[in-house]
Amino acid sequence: MLTENGSGKYLSRDWQRKRAEAMVDRTRFSDSELAWLEIGENDGTGKLRKETYEVETQPVVSRRRHDVRERPECGGRD
């Protein structure tokens, strides 16, 4: 049986709605609410972190970091 203490909260529409709101703006929630919603300290700050979109590659010669948004299938450069 799923309970609020277990994984039942993930099925709750209220939890999902509040978590989505907190991911946009965490300032509307208390620390205890953010913990219950499992919002990390860098989530919901409204700041774009470039590292989020970077992936590490494994080329033959050396390693480089590429921004995945620049891929052609994402509308970026060829």
Protein backbone atom coordinates (compact mmCIF):
# COMPACT_ATOMS: atom_id res chain seq x y z
CA MET A 1 0.00 0.00 0.00
CA LEU A 2 1.31 3.43 -0.92
CA THR A 3 1.33 6.08 1.78
CA GLU A 4 2.41 9.71 2.14
CA ASN A 5 5.46 8.44 4.03
CA GLY A 6 6.38 6.14 1.16
CA SER A 7 6.17 6.65 -2.56
CA GLY A 8 2.48 7.51 -2.61
CA LYS A 9 3.21 11.22 -2.74
CA TYR A 10 4.62 10.79 -6.26
CA LEU A 11 1.15 9.73 -7.44
CA SER A 12 -0.55 12.71 -5.84
CA ARG A 13 -1.66 15.42 -8.26
CA ASP A 14 -1.17 17.98 -5.48
CA TRP A 15 2.50 16.94 -5.01
CA GLN A 16 3.14 16.98 -8.76
CA ARG A 17 1.53 20.42 -9.17
CA LYS A 18 3.38 21.95 -6.22
CA ARG A 19 6.69 20.43 -7.32
CA ALA A 20 6.27 21.89 -10.81
CA GLU A 21 5.54 25.30 -9.27
CA ALA A 22 8.58 25.05 -6.99
CA MET A 23 10.81 24.13 -9.94
CA VAL A 24 9.85 27.48 -11.48
CA ASP A 25 10.00 29.64 -8.31
CA ARG A 26 11.18 28.13 -5.04
CA THR A 27 10.70 31.38 -3.06
CA ARG A 28 6.98 30.67 -2.63
CA PHE A 29 7.69 27.59 -0.48
CA SER A 30 9.15 27.01 2.98
CA ASP A 31 12.26 24.88 3.56
CA SER A 32 10.17 22.01 4.87
CA GLU A 33 7.89 22.14 1.81
CA LEU A 34 10.93 22.16 -0.50
CA ALA A 35 12.30 19.10 1.30
CA TRP A 36 8.95 17.30 0.94
CA LEU A 37 8.83 18.27 -2.75
CA GLU A 38 12.43 17.07 -3.16
CA ILE A 39 13.63 20.36 -4.62
CA GLY A 40 17.44 20.67 -4.58
CA GLU A 41 19.27 23.83 -3.60
CA ASN A 42 19.94 24.71 -7.26
CA ASP A 43 16.43 23.91 -8.49
CA GLY A 44 13.78 26.55 -8.98
CA THR A 45 16.12 29.54 -8.85
CA GLY A 46 15.11 30.86 -12.24
CA LYS A 47 18.75 30.90 -13.36
CA LEU A 48 19.97 29.08 -16.43
CA ARG A 49 23.01 26.96 -15.68
CA LYS A 50 25.08 26.36 -18.81
CA GLU A 51 26.46 23.13 -17.31
CA THR A 52 22.98 21.61 -17.54
CA TYR A 53 23.23 21.50 -21.33
CA GLU A 54 26.84 20.34 -21.63
CA VAL A 55 27.91 16.77 -22.25
CA GLU A 56 31.38 15.29 -22.26
CA THR A 57 32.58 13.52 -25.38
CA GLN A 58 35.14 10.78 -25.86
CA PRO A 59 37.00 11.69 -29.08
CA VAL A 60 40.07 9.77 -30.21
CA VAL A 61 42.60 12.55 -29.56
CA SER A 62 41.32 14.63 -26.66
CA ARG A 63 38.22 15.39 -24.63
CA ARG A 64 36.03 18.41 -25.28
CA ARG A 65 32.76 19.64 -23.87
CA HIS A 66 29.92 20.33 -26.32
CA ASP A 67 26.68 22.18 -25.77
CA VAL A 68 23.90 19.78 -26.84
CA ARG A 69 21.76 22.74 -27.95
CA GLU A 70 24.21 23.30 -30.82
CA ARG A 71 23.45 19.91 -32.39
CA PRO A 72 21.66 20.10 -35.77
CA GLU A 73 18.73 18.01 -34.50
CA CYS A 74 18.22 20.65 -31.78
CA GLY A 75 18.17 23.50 -34.29
CA GLY A 76 21.80 24.47 -33.73
CA ARG A 77 24.81 24.65 -35.98
CA ASP A 78 25.61 21.95 -38.53
